[in-house]
Amino acid sequence: MSDNHGNTPAAWSAVVVGLAAFVVGGIGLMIGSMLTFWIGVALAPIALVVGAVMSKLGFGGRDHSKERAEARGREHGEEPAR
């Protein structure tokens, strides 16, 4: 697991856009406007794109997989790879 537990600008931006998408879609359903509903539906996948792009730009958390693998190796008495 990441040390930041998703508390990154990329994650929060994706959540905000996703939440806005569901709010817009829900309002569209309540007022009976299918156009507004479908705008909300169209915004939902954009949240995934926003999160992925921001993460690629460096606003996501660090990848700890290499560090984790080295820590597991130390636990089992293995020398870290150099």
Protein backbone atom coordinates (compact mmCIF):
# COMPACT_ATOMS: atom_id res chain seq x y z
CA MET A 1 0.00 0.00 0.00
CA SER A 2 1.12 3.51 -0.64
CA ASP A 3 2.25 5.61 2.30
CA ASN A 4 -0.05 8.45 1.27
CA HIS A 5 -3.24 6.32 1.14
CA GLY A 6 -4.54 8.24 -1.87
CA ASN A 7 -4.06 11.68 -0.36
CA THR A 8 -2.55 13.14 -3.51
CA PRO A 9 -3.67 15.97 -5.77
CA ALA A 10 -4.32 13.43 -8.56
CA ALA A 11 -6.57 11.29 -6.38
CA TRP A 12 -8.49 14.21 -4.94
CA SER A 13 -8.99 15.79 -8.36
CA ALA A 14 -10.36 12.53 -9.72
CA VAL A 15 -12.71 12.22 -6.74
CA VAL A 16 -13.98 15.80 -7.10
CA VAL A 17 -14.65 15.39 -10.83
CA GLY A 18 -16.33 12.02 -10.21
CA LEU A 19 -18.46 13.47 -7.43
CA ALA A 20 -19.46 16.39 -9.66
CA ALA A 21 -20.40 13.91 -12.39
CA PHE A 22 -22.70 11.97 -10.07
CA VAL A 23 -24.24 15.16 -8.67
CA VAL A 24 -24.96 16.50 -12.17
CA GLY A 25 -26.39 13.14 -13.25
CA GLY A 26 -28.50 12.89 -10.11
CA ILE A 27 -29.87 16.41 -10.53
CA GLY A 28 -30.68 15.57 -14.13
CA LEU A 29 -32.70 12.56 -12.99
CA MET A 30 -34.53 14.53 -10.30
CA ILE A 31 -35.57 17.39 -12.58
CA GLY A 32 -36.35 15.07 -15.47
CA SER A 33 -33.73 16.46 -17.82
CA MET A 34 -32.14 13.62 -19.74
CA LEU A 35 -29.62 16.02 -21.29
CA THR A 36 -28.32 16.95 -17.83
CA PHE A 37 -28.27 13.28 -16.84
CA TRP A 38 -26.18 12.32 -19.87
CA ILE A 39 -23.80 15.21 -19.26
CA GLY A 40 -23.20 13.73 -15.81
CA VAL A 41 -22.68 10.28 -17.35
CA ALA A 42 -20.15 11.76 -19.80
CA LEU A 43 -18.25 13.43 -16.94
CA ALA A 44 -17.77 10.18 -14.97
CA PRO A 45 -15.05 8.62 -17.19
CA ILE A 46 -13.35 12.01 -17.39
CA ALA A 47 -12.63 11.61 -13.65
CA LEU A 48 -10.54 8.52 -14.41
CA VAL A 49 -8.68 10.35 -17.15
CA VAL A 50 -7.99 13.33 -14.87
CA GLY A 51 -6.59 11.05 -12.17
CA ALA A 52 -4.41 9.09 -14.59
CA VAL A 53 -3.05 12.16 -16.38
CA MET A 54 -2.28 14.01 -13.15
CA SER A 55 -0.57 10.92 -11.78
CA LYS A 56 1.59 10.66 -14.91
CA LEU A 57 2.46 14.35 -14.53
CA GLY A 58 3.84 13.64 -11.06
CA PHE A 59 0.90 14.68 -8.89
CA GLY A 60 0.22 11.11 -7.74
CA GLY A 61 1.97 9.13 -5.04
CA ARG A 62 5.38 7.55 -5.45
CA ASP A 63 5.59 3.93 -6.55
CA HIS A 64 6.84 2.02 -3.52
CA SER A 65 6.96 -1.43 -5.14
CA LYS A 66 10.77 -1.53 -5.42
CA GLU A 67 11.20 -0.31 -1.85
CA ARG A 68 8.69 -2.90 -0.63
CA ALA A 69 10.48 -5.71 -2.46
CA GLU A 70 13.81 -4.70 -0.91
CA ALA A 71 12.23 -4.56 2.56
CA ARG A 72 10.79 -8.07 2.11
CA GLY A 73 14.22 -9.29 1.05
CA ARG A 74 15.80 -7.83 4.19
CA GLU A 75 13.13 -9.53 6.33
CA HIS A 76 14.15 -12.90 4.90
CA GLY A 77 17.87 -12.26 5.24
CA GLU A 78 18.54 -11.64 1.55
CA GLU A 79 20.95 -9.01 0.26
CA PRO A 80 19.30 -6.14 -1.67
CA ALA A 81 19.93 -6.11 -5.43
CA ARG A 82 22.34 -3.41 -6.61
